[in-house]
């Protein structure tokens, strides 16, 4: 009996791990909410998943993402805490999660964050992948440095993000 119970626990645990997958939304086709060309800032609403949406904001040539939860509460991720250089977010948002009761339930978000960190040469860009956990209080949990397996590392981090503490800045 205990062997059967242990096998079922392993099977259930293994199934939960195997169930993680990705779905993507476009960050290049967002609806303009407001903008001020003179002060050089804007806010755009981007499509999300499972009742959530994303807001892409730009000010002083720096972009960031705010997660808007299904209850319409805003959770600014404040990418400027990762780097204060001029920046842009990538064109896609990757949502990591599992299928529960036939519906995709995202637990983490991965967004590319391209930053000009060299004041001597603004054409040199560092391309991070930012991982944020979703849920009750979305926040950044990982900053994945550029590498040949950066996407694999970001997905692994996203799959454990729900159990990870938020990154501390400053």
N, C-alpha and C. Protein backbone atom coordinates (compact mmCIF):
# COMPACT_ATOMS: atom_id res chain seq x y z
N UNK A 1 0.82 -1.20 0.00
CA UNK A 1 0.00 0.00 0.00
C UNK A 1 0.86 1.26 0.00
N UNK A 2 1.92 1.31 0.85
CA UNK A 2 2.78 2.48 0.92
C UNK A 2 3.54 2.69 -0.39
N UNK A 3 3.91 1.56 -1.05
CA UNK A 3 4.59 1.68 -2.33
C UNK A 3 3.66 2.30 -3.36
N UNK A 4 2.40 1.90 -3.36
CA UNK A 4 1.43 2.45 -4.29
C UNK A 4 1.22 3.94 -4.01
N UNK A 5 1.09 4.30 -2.75
CA UNK A 5 0.90 5.70 -2.37
C UNK A 5 2.11 6.52 -2.79
N UNK A 6 3.31 6.02 -2.54
CA UNK A 6 4.53 6.72 -2.94
C UNK A 6 4.60 6.90 -4.44
N UNK A 7 4.22 5.86 -5.19
CA UNK A 7 4.22 5.96 -6.65
C UNK A 7 3.23 7.03 -7.11
N UNK A 8 2.04 7.07 -6.49
CA UNK A 8 1.05 8.08 -6.87
C UNK A 8 1.54 9.49 -6.57
N UNK A 9 2.23 9.67 -5.44
CA UNK A 9 2.79 10.99 -5.12
C UNK A 9 3.83 11.38 -6.15
N UNK A 10 4.73 10.45 -6.49
CA UNK A 10 5.75 10.73 -7.51
C UNK A 10 5.09 11.02 -8.85
N UNK A 11 4.09 10.23 -9.22
CA UNK A 11 3.40 10.44 -10.47
C UNK A 11 2.72 11.81 -10.51
N UNK A 12 2.05 12.18 -9.43
CA UNK A 12 1.38 13.49 -9.37
C UNK A 12 2.41 14.61 -9.43
N UNK A 13 3.51 14.48 -8.68
CA UNK A 13 4.55 15.50 -8.69
C UNK A 13 5.17 15.62 -10.08
N UNK A 14 5.47 14.48 -10.67
CA UNK A 14 6.05 14.47 -12.02
C UNK A 14 5.10 15.06 -13.04
N UNK A 15 3.81 14.79 -12.91
CA UNK A 15 2.84 15.34 -13.84
C UNK A 15 2.77 16.85 -13.72
N UNK A 16 2.85 17.36 -12.48
CA UNK A 16 2.80 18.81 -12.28
C UNK A 16 3.99 19.48 -12.95
N UNK A 17 5.16 18.85 -12.84
CA UNK A 17 6.34 19.43 -13.48
C UNK A 17 6.20 19.38 -14.99
N UNK A 18 5.76 18.25 -15.52
CA UNK A 18 5.63 18.08 -16.95
C UNK A 18 4.56 18.99 -17.54
N UNK A 19 3.60 19.41 -16.74
CA UNK A 19 2.48 20.20 -17.23
C UNK A 19 2.85 21.65 -17.52
N UNK A 20 4.00 22.12 -17.04
CA UNK A 20 4.38 23.50 -17.31
C UNK A 20 4.59 23.71 -18.80
N UNK A 21 4.06 24.80 -19.30
CA UNK A 21 4.20 25.13 -20.71
C UNK A 21 4.15 26.65 -20.85
N UNK A 22 4.34 27.10 -22.07
CA UNK A 22 4.35 28.54 -22.34
C UNK A 22 3.25 28.93 -23.31
N UNK A 23 2.73 30.11 -23.09
CA UNK A 23 1.87 30.78 -24.07
C UNK A 23 2.42 32.20 -24.20
N UNK A 24 2.18 32.81 -25.35
CA UNK A 24 2.80 34.10 -25.65
C UNK A 24 1.75 35.15 -25.99
N UNK A 25 2.04 36.39 -25.62
CA UNK A 25 1.24 37.52 -26.06
C UNK A 25 2.18 38.56 -26.66
N UNK A 26 1.62 39.39 -27.50
CA UNK A 26 2.39 40.37 -28.26
C UNK A 26 2.50 41.69 -27.50
N UNK A 27 3.71 42.19 -27.36
CA UNK A 27 3.91 43.49 -26.71
C UNK A 27 4.14 44.61 -27.74
N UNK A 28 4.08 44.26 -29.01
CA UNK A 28 4.26 45.26 -30.07
C UNK A 28 2.93 45.77 -30.61
N UNK A 29 1.83 45.16 -30.20
CA UNK A 29 0.51 45.56 -30.69
C UNK A 29 -0.38 45.92 -29.52
N UNK A 30 0.00 46.96 -28.81
CA UNK A 30 -0.73 47.38 -27.62
C UNK A 30 -1.58 48.61 -27.95
N UNK A 31 -2.58 48.84 -27.13
CA UNK A 31 -3.47 49.99 -27.31
C UNK A 31 -2.94 51.18 -26.52
N UNK A 32 -2.75 52.29 -27.18
CA UNK A 32 -2.27 53.50 -26.52
C UNK A 32 -3.32 54.00 -25.54
N UNK A 33 -2.91 54.15 -24.27
CA UNK A 33 -3.80 54.68 -23.24
C UNK A 33 -3.65 56.19 -23.11
N UNK A 34 -2.40 56.63 -23.03
CA UNK A 34 -2.12 58.06 -22.97
C UNK A 34 -0.65 58.30 -23.29
N UNK A 35 -0.37 59.52 -23.76
CA UNK A 35 1.01 59.87 -24.10
C UNK A 35 1.19 61.37 -24.01
N UNK A 36 2.40 61.77 -23.75
CA UNK A 36 2.77 63.17 -23.73
C UNK A 36 4.09 63.29 -24.50
N UNK A 37 3.99 63.73 -25.75
CA UNK A 37 5.18 63.81 -26.60
C UNK A 37 6.19 64.82 -26.08
N UNK A 38 5.74 65.90 -25.53
CA UNK A 38 6.66 66.93 -25.02
C UNK A 38 7.47 66.41 -23.84
N UNK A 39 6.82 65.68 -22.95
CA UNK A 39 7.52 65.12 -21.79
C UNK A 39 8.08 63.73 -22.06
N UNK A 40 7.80 63.21 -23.26
CA UNK A 40 8.33 61.94 -23.73
C UNK A 40 7.98 60.75 -22.82
N UNK A 41 6.68 60.56 -22.59
CA UNK A 41 6.23 59.39 -21.86
C UNK A 41 4.94 58.86 -22.49
N UNK A 42 4.70 57.57 -22.27
CA UNK A 42 3.48 56.95 -22.79
C UNK A 42 3.12 55.73 -21.94
N UNK A 43 1.86 55.34 -22.06
CA UNK A 43 1.34 54.12 -21.43
C UNK A 43 0.49 53.39 -22.45
N UNK A 44 0.70 52.07 -22.56
CA UNK A 44 -0.04 51.27 -23.50
C UNK A 44 -0.57 50.02 -22.80
N UNK A 45 -1.77 49.59 -23.18
CA UNK A 45 -2.37 48.38 -22.62
C UNK A 45 -2.14 47.23 -23.59
N UNK A 46 -1.55 46.16 -23.09
CA UNK A 46 -1.22 45.00 -23.91
C UNK A 46 -2.05 43.80 -23.46
N UNK A 47 -2.36 42.94 -24.42
CA UNK A 47 -3.13 41.74 -24.15
C UNK A 47 -2.38 40.83 -23.19
N UNK A 48 -3.11 40.22 -22.29
CA UNK A 48 -2.55 39.26 -21.36
C UNK A 48 -3.29 37.94 -21.46
N UNK A 49 -3.20 37.15 -20.41
CA UNK A 49 -3.86 35.85 -20.36
C UNK A 49 -4.59 35.67 -19.04
N UNK A 50 -5.58 34.81 -19.04
CA UNK A 50 -6.30 34.40 -17.83
C UNK A 50 -6.83 35.60 -17.03
N UNK A 51 -7.35 36.60 -17.73
CA UNK A 51 -7.92 37.77 -17.06
C UNK A 51 -6.92 38.85 -16.69
N UNK A 52 -5.64 38.58 -16.84
CA UNK A 52 -4.60 39.58 -16.58
C UNK A 52 -4.28 40.33 -17.87
N UNK A 53 -3.72 41.50 -17.72
CA UNK A 53 -3.20 42.23 -18.88
C UNK A 53 -1.89 42.87 -18.45
N UNK A 54 -1.21 43.45 -19.42
CA UNK A 54 0.07 44.11 -19.15
C UNK A 54 -0.01 45.54 -19.62
N UNK A 55 0.63 46.41 -18.89
CA UNK A 55 0.77 47.79 -19.32
C UNK A 55 2.24 48.04 -19.58
N UNK A 56 2.54 48.48 -20.79
CA UNK A 56 3.92 48.87 -21.12
C UNK A 56 3.99 50.39 -21.00
N UNK A 57 4.95 50.84 -20.22
CA UNK A 57 5.11 52.29 -20.04
C UNK A 57 6.51 52.70 -20.48
N UNK A 58 6.62 53.94 -20.91
CA UNK A 58 7.90 54.48 -21.30
C UNK A 58 8.01 55.91 -20.80
N UNK A 59 9.18 56.24 -20.28
CA UNK A 59 9.47 57.59 -19.85
C UNK A 59 10.98 57.79 -19.86
N UNK A 60 11.43 58.89 -20.39
CA UNK A 60 12.86 59.19 -20.45
C UNK A 60 13.64 58.06 -21.13
N UNK A 61 13.07 57.52 -22.21
CA UNK A 61 13.70 56.45 -23.00
C UNK A 61 13.95 55.18 -22.21
N UNK A 62 13.09 54.91 -21.21
CA UNK A 62 13.18 53.69 -20.41
C UNK A 62 11.79 53.06 -20.36
N UNK A 63 11.73 51.76 -20.62
CA UNK A 63 10.45 51.07 -20.62
C UNK A 63 10.34 50.11 -19.44
N UNK A 64 9.10 49.83 -19.08
CA UNK A 64 8.83 48.87 -18.02
C UNK A 64 7.46 48.24 -18.26
N UNK A 65 7.15 47.27 -17.43
CA UNK A 65 5.88 46.54 -17.51
C UNK A 65 5.19 46.61 -16.15
N UNK A 66 3.88 46.76 -16.20
CA UNK A 66 3.03 46.64 -15.02
C UNK A 66 2.07 45.49 -15.28
N UNK A 67 1.97 44.58 -14.32
CA UNK A 67 1.00 43.49 -14.42
C UNK A 67 -0.32 44.02 -13.85
N UNK A 68 -1.38 43.84 -14.62
CA UNK A 68 -2.72 44.21 -14.15
C UNK A 68 -3.46 42.91 -13.90
N UNK A 69 -3.68 42.63 -12.64
CA UNK A 69 -4.30 41.37 -12.20
C UNK A 69 -5.76 41.31 -12.64
N UNK A 70 -6.36 40.12 -12.62
CA UNK A 70 -7.78 40.01 -12.98
C UNK A 70 -8.69 40.91 -12.16
N UNK A 71 -8.31 41.22 -10.91
CA UNK A 71 -9.13 42.12 -10.09
C UNK A 71 -8.84 43.59 -10.40
N UNK A 72 -8.05 43.85 -11.43
CA UNK A 72 -7.68 45.19 -11.93
C UNK A 72 -6.67 45.92 -11.04
N UNK A 73 -6.07 45.23 -10.10
CA UNK A 73 -5.02 45.82 -9.27
C UNK A 73 -3.72 45.85 -10.07
N UNK A 74 -3.00 46.97 -9.99
CA UNK A 74 -1.74 47.16 -10.72
C UNK A 74 -0.55 46.74 -9.88
N UNK A 75 0.40 46.05 -10.54
CA UNK A 75 1.64 45.64 -9.91
C UNK A 75 2.81 46.06 -10.80
N UNK A 76 3.33 47.29 -10.59
CA UNK A 76 4.46 47.74 -11.41
C UNK A 76 5.70 46.89 -11.12
N UNK A 77 6.33 46.39 -12.18
CA UNK A 77 7.53 45.58 -12.01
C UNK A 77 8.79 46.45 -11.92
N UNK A 78 8.70 47.68 -12.36
CA UNK A 78 9.78 48.67 -12.21
C UNK A 78 11.13 48.13 -12.70
N UNK A 79 11.18 47.87 -14.01
CA UNK A 79 12.40 47.36 -14.62
C UNK A 79 13.60 48.29 -14.41
N UNK A 80 13.34 49.56 -14.13
CA UNK A 80 14.46 50.50 -13.90
C UNK A 80 15.30 50.07 -12.70
N UNK A 81 14.74 49.24 -11.81
CA UNK A 81 15.53 48.71 -10.69
C UNK A 81 16.57 47.70 -11.17
N UNK A 82 16.33 47.07 -12.31
CA UNK A 82 17.29 46.13 -12.89
C UNK A 82 18.48 46.90 -13.45
N UNK A 83 18.17 47.97 -14.17
CA UNK A 83 19.20 48.83 -14.74
C UNK A 83 18.58 50.18 -15.05
N UNK A 84 19.30 51.24 -14.79
CA UNK A 84 18.79 52.58 -15.05
C UNK A 84 19.08 53.09 -16.44
N UNK A 85 19.75 52.27 -17.28
CA UNK A 85 20.09 52.71 -18.63
C UNK A 85 18.87 52.83 -19.53
N UNK A 86 19.06 53.47 -20.68
CA UNK A 86 17.99 53.53 -21.66
C UNK A 86 17.59 52.10 -22.00
N UNK A 87 16.28 51.87 -22.16
CA UNK A 87 15.84 50.48 -22.30
C UNK A 87 14.57 50.35 -23.12
N UNK A 88 14.38 49.12 -23.59
CA UNK A 88 13.14 48.73 -24.25
C UNK A 88 12.79 47.32 -23.80
N UNK A 89 11.51 46.99 -23.82
CA UNK A 89 11.10 45.62 -23.56
C UNK A 89 10.97 44.92 -24.91
N UNK A 90 11.11 43.60 -24.89
CA UNK A 90 11.00 42.82 -26.12
C UNK A 90 9.59 42.80 -26.66
N UNK A 91 9.43 42.20 -27.81
CA UNK A 91 8.15 42.20 -28.51
C UNK A 91 7.16 41.15 -28.05
N UNK A 92 7.57 40.21 -27.21
CA UNK A 92 6.68 39.14 -26.75
C UNK A 92 6.77 39.00 -25.23
N UNK A 93 5.66 38.62 -24.64
CA UNK A 93 5.63 38.22 -23.24
C UNK A 93 5.40 36.72 -23.23
N UNK A 94 6.22 36.00 -22.47
CA UNK A 94 6.05 34.55 -22.34
C UNK A 94 5.42 34.28 -20.98
N UNK A 95 4.29 33.63 -20.99
CA UNK A 95 3.55 33.28 -19.78
C UNK A 95 3.81 31.80 -19.51
N UNK A 96 4.32 31.48 -18.32
CA UNK A 96 4.57 30.09 -17.95
C UNK A 96 3.49 29.63 -16.99
N UNK A 97 3.00 28.43 -17.19
CA UNK A 97 1.97 27.93 -16.29
C UNK A 97 1.58 26.52 -16.65
N UNK A 98 0.43 26.12 -16.18
CA UNK A 98 -0.06 24.77 -16.37
C UNK A 98 -1.52 24.81 -16.79
N UNK A 99 -1.95 23.73 -17.41
CA UNK A 99 -3.36 23.56 -17.76
C UNK A 99 -4.06 22.94 -16.56
N UNK A 100 -5.03 23.66 -16.01
CA UNK A 100 -5.82 23.16 -14.89
C UNK A 100 -7.29 23.22 -15.28
N UNK A 101 -7.94 22.08 -15.17
CA UNK A 101 -9.36 21.98 -15.54
C UNK A 101 -9.61 22.52 -16.95
N UNK A 102 -8.69 22.22 -17.85
CA UNK A 102 -8.84 22.60 -19.24
C UNK A 102 -8.47 24.03 -19.59
N UNK A 103 -8.00 24.81 -18.61
CA UNK A 103 -7.64 26.21 -18.87
C UNK A 103 -6.19 26.45 -18.49
N UNK A 104 -5.53 27.30 -19.28
CA UNK A 104 -4.15 27.68 -18.98
C UNK A 104 -4.14 28.65 -17.81
N UNK A 105 -3.38 28.33 -16.77
CA UNK A 105 -3.27 29.18 -15.58
C UNK A 105 -1.80 29.59 -15.45
N UNK A 106 -1.49 30.85 -15.81
CA UNK A 106 -0.10 31.28 -15.73
C UNK A 106 0.34 31.53 -14.29
N UNK A 107 1.58 31.16 -14.01
CA UNK A 107 2.14 31.40 -12.68
C UNK A 107 3.35 32.33 -12.74
N UNK A 108 3.87 32.56 -13.95
CA UNK A 108 5.05 33.42 -14.09
C UNK A 108 5.04 34.07 -15.47
N UNK A 109 5.81 35.13 -15.57
CA UNK A 109 5.92 35.92 -16.78
C UNK A 109 7.39 36.09 -17.10
N UNK A 110 7.76 35.98 -18.37
CA UNK A 110 9.13 36.23 -18.82
C UNK A 110 9.07 37.32 -19.89
N UNK A 111 9.88 38.36 -19.70
CA UNK A 111 9.93 39.47 -20.65
C UNK A 111 11.38 39.82 -20.92
N UNK A 112 11.71 40.02 -22.20
CA UNK A 112 13.06 40.46 -22.56
C UNK A 112 13.20 41.94 -22.23
N UNK A 113 14.35 42.29 -21.69
CA UNK A 113 14.63 43.67 -21.28
C UNK A 113 15.99 44.05 -21.85
N UNK A 114 15.97 44.92 -22.86
CA UNK A 114 17.18 45.34 -23.57
C UNK A 114 17.63 46.69 -23.03
N UNK A 115 18.87 46.73 -22.54
CA UNK A 115 19.36 47.93 -21.85
C UNK A 115 20.69 48.41 -22.43
N UNK A 116 20.77 49.71 -22.63
CA UNK A 116 22.02 50.34 -23.01
C UNK A 116 22.71 50.76 -21.71
N UNK A 117 23.69 49.94 -21.27
CA UNK A 117 24.32 50.18 -19.97
C UNK A 117 25.69 50.85 -20.07
N UNK A 118 26.17 51.04 -21.28
CA UNK A 118 27.48 51.64 -21.47
C UNK A 118 27.32 53.09 -21.91
N UNK A 119 27.57 54.06 -21.01
CA UNK A 119 27.38 55.46 -21.37
C UNK A 119 28.35 55.93 -22.47
N UNK A 120 29.45 55.21 -22.65
CA UNK A 120 30.42 55.55 -23.69
C UNK A 120 29.95 55.11 -25.07
N UNK A 121 29.13 54.06 -25.14
CA UNK A 121 28.66 53.52 -26.41
C UNK A 121 27.23 52.98 -26.23
N UNK A 122 26.26 53.83 -26.55
CA UNK A 122 24.85 53.45 -26.32
C UNK A 122 24.38 52.34 -27.26
N UNK A 123 25.17 52.01 -28.28
CA UNK A 123 24.77 50.94 -29.19
C UNK A 123 25.03 49.55 -28.59
N UNK A 124 25.81 49.48 -27.52
CA UNK A 124 26.05 48.20 -26.85
C UNK A 124 24.88 47.91 -25.91
N UNK A 125 24.18 46.83 -26.22
CA UNK A 125 22.95 46.50 -25.51
C UNK A 125 23.15 45.20 -24.73
N UNK A 126 22.69 45.20 -23.48
CA UNK A 126 22.62 43.97 -22.69
C UNK A 126 21.17 43.51 -22.72
N UNK A 127 20.96 42.25 -23.09
CA UNK A 127 19.61 41.72 -23.24
C UNK A 127 19.33 40.70 -22.14
N UNK A 128 18.65 41.15 -21.08
CA UNK A 128 18.27 40.30 -19.96
C UNK A 128 16.93 39.64 -20.24
N UNK A 129 16.65 38.55 -19.55
CA UNK A 129 15.29 38.04 -19.46
C UNK A 129 14.85 38.24 -18.02
N UNK A 130 13.74 38.92 -17.84
CA UNK A 130 13.21 39.21 -16.52
C UNK A 130 12.08 38.23 -16.23
N UNK A 131 12.16 37.57 -15.08
CA UNK A 131 11.15 36.61 -14.66
C UNK A 131 10.38 37.22 -13.49
N UNK A 132 9.07 37.21 -13.60
CA UNK A 132 8.22 37.72 -12.52
C UNK A 132 7.21 36.64 -12.15
N UNK A 133 7.01 36.47 -10.85
CA UNK A 133 5.94 35.57 -10.44
C UNK A 133 4.63 36.33 -10.50
N UNK A 134 3.57 35.59 -10.76
CA UNK A 134 2.23 36.17 -10.79
C UNK A 134 1.55 35.75 -9.50
N UNK A 135 0.24 35.80 -9.43
CA UNK A 135 -0.44 35.40 -8.21
C UNK A 135 -0.89 36.59 -7.41
N UNK A 136 -0.87 36.46 -6.07
CA UNK A 136 -1.39 37.51 -5.20
C UNK A 136 -0.63 38.81 -5.29
N UNK A 137 0.69 38.73 -5.44
CA UNK A 137 1.50 39.95 -5.52
C UNK A 137 2.64 39.75 -6.51
N UNK A 138 2.37 40.01 -7.80
CA UNK A 138 3.41 39.85 -8.80
C UNK A 138 4.64 40.71 -8.50
N UNK A 139 5.81 40.14 -8.77
CA UNK A 139 7.07 40.85 -8.57
C UNK A 139 8.17 40.15 -9.34
N UNK A 140 9.28 40.83 -9.53
CA UNK A 140 10.43 40.26 -10.21
C UNK A 140 11.13 39.29 -9.26
N UNK A 141 11.40 38.08 -9.76
CA UNK A 141 12.10 37.08 -8.96
C UNK A 141 13.50 36.77 -9.50
N UNK A 142 13.71 36.96 -10.80
CA UNK A 142 14.99 36.61 -11.40
C UNK A 142 15.36 37.59 -12.53
N UNK A 143 16.64 37.85 -12.65
CA UNK A 143 17.21 38.56 -13.79
C UNK A 143 18.18 37.57 -14.42
N UNK A 144 17.87 37.11 -15.62
CA UNK A 144 18.68 36.10 -16.29
C UNK A 144 19.65 36.81 -17.23
N UNK A 145 20.94 36.61 -16.97
CA UNK A 145 21.98 37.24 -17.76
C UNK A 145 22.07 36.61 -19.15
N UNK A 146 22.57 37.36 -20.12
CA UNK A 146 22.73 36.80 -21.46
C UNK A 146 23.64 35.57 -21.45
N UNK A 147 23.21 34.52 -22.14
CA UNK A 147 24.01 33.31 -22.31
C UNK A 147 23.37 32.49 -23.42
N UNK A 148 24.07 31.46 -23.88
CA UNK A 148 23.52 30.63 -24.97
C UNK A 148 22.28 29.86 -24.52
N UNK A 149 22.14 29.59 -23.23
CA UNK A 149 20.97 28.87 -22.72
C UNK A 149 20.08 29.77 -21.86
N UNK A 150 20.06 31.04 -22.17
CA UNK A 150 19.29 32.03 -21.41
C UNK A 150 17.81 31.68 -21.35
N UNK A 151 17.22 31.25 -22.47
CA UNK A 151 15.78 30.93 -22.49
C UNK A 151 15.49 29.73 -21.60
N UNK A 152 16.34 28.73 -21.63
CA UNK A 152 16.16 27.54 -20.79
C UNK A 152 16.24 27.93 -19.31
N UNK A 153 17.22 28.75 -18.96
CA UNK A 153 17.36 29.21 -17.58
C UNK A 153 16.14 30.02 -17.14
N UNK A 154 15.64 30.87 -18.02
CA UNK A 154 14.48 31.70 -17.67
C UNK A 154 13.24 30.84 -17.43
N UNK A 155 13.05 29.82 -18.27
CA UNK A 155 11.88 28.94 -18.08
C UNK A 155 12.00 28.14 -16.79
N UNK A 156 13.21 27.67 -16.48
CA UNK A 156 13.42 26.94 -15.22
C UNK A 156 13.15 27.86 -14.03
N UNK A 157 13.61 29.11 -14.11
CA UNK A 157 13.36 30.08 -13.03
C UNK A 157 11.87 30.38 -12.92
N UNK A 158 11.20 30.51 -14.06
CA UNK A 158 9.76 30.80 -14.05
C UNK A 158 8.98 29.65 -13.42
N UNK A 159 9.43 28.44 -13.65
CA UNK A 159 8.72 27.27 -13.11
C UNK A 159 8.85 27.15 -11.60
N UNK A 160 9.80 27.86 -11.00
CA UNK A 160 9.95 27.87 -9.53
C UNK A 160 9.65 29.25 -8.94
N UNK A 161 9.26 30.20 -9.77
CA UNK A 161 9.08 31.58 -9.32
C UNK A 161 8.04 31.73 -8.22
N UNK A 162 6.97 30.93 -8.27
CA UNK A 162 5.91 31.05 -7.27
C UNK A 162 6.42 30.81 -5.85
N UNK A 163 7.50 30.03 -5.74
CA UNK A 163 8.08 29.72 -4.42
C UNK A 163 9.32 30.56 -4.13
N UNK A 164 9.58 31.55 -4.96
CA UNK A 164 10.79 32.37 -4.83
C UNK A 164 10.42 33.74 -4.27
N UNK A 165 11.29 34.27 -3.41
CA UNK A 165 11.05 35.61 -2.87
C UNK A 165 11.32 36.66 -3.94
N UNK A 166 10.70 37.78 -3.79
CA UNK A 166 10.90 38.90 -4.72
C UNK A 166 12.33 39.42 -4.59
N UNK A 167 12.90 39.86 -5.72
CA UNK A 167 14.23 40.45 -5.69
C UNK A 167 14.19 41.74 -4.88
N UNK A 168 15.24 41.97 -4.15
CA UNK A 168 15.39 43.22 -3.39
C UNK A 168 16.28 44.16 -4.19
N UNK A 169 15.91 45.41 -4.25
CA UNK A 169 16.69 46.41 -4.99
C UNK A 169 17.10 47.51 -4.03
N UNK A 170 18.30 47.91 -4.13
CA UNK A 170 18.92 49.01 -3.37
C UNK A 170 18.87 48.78 -1.91
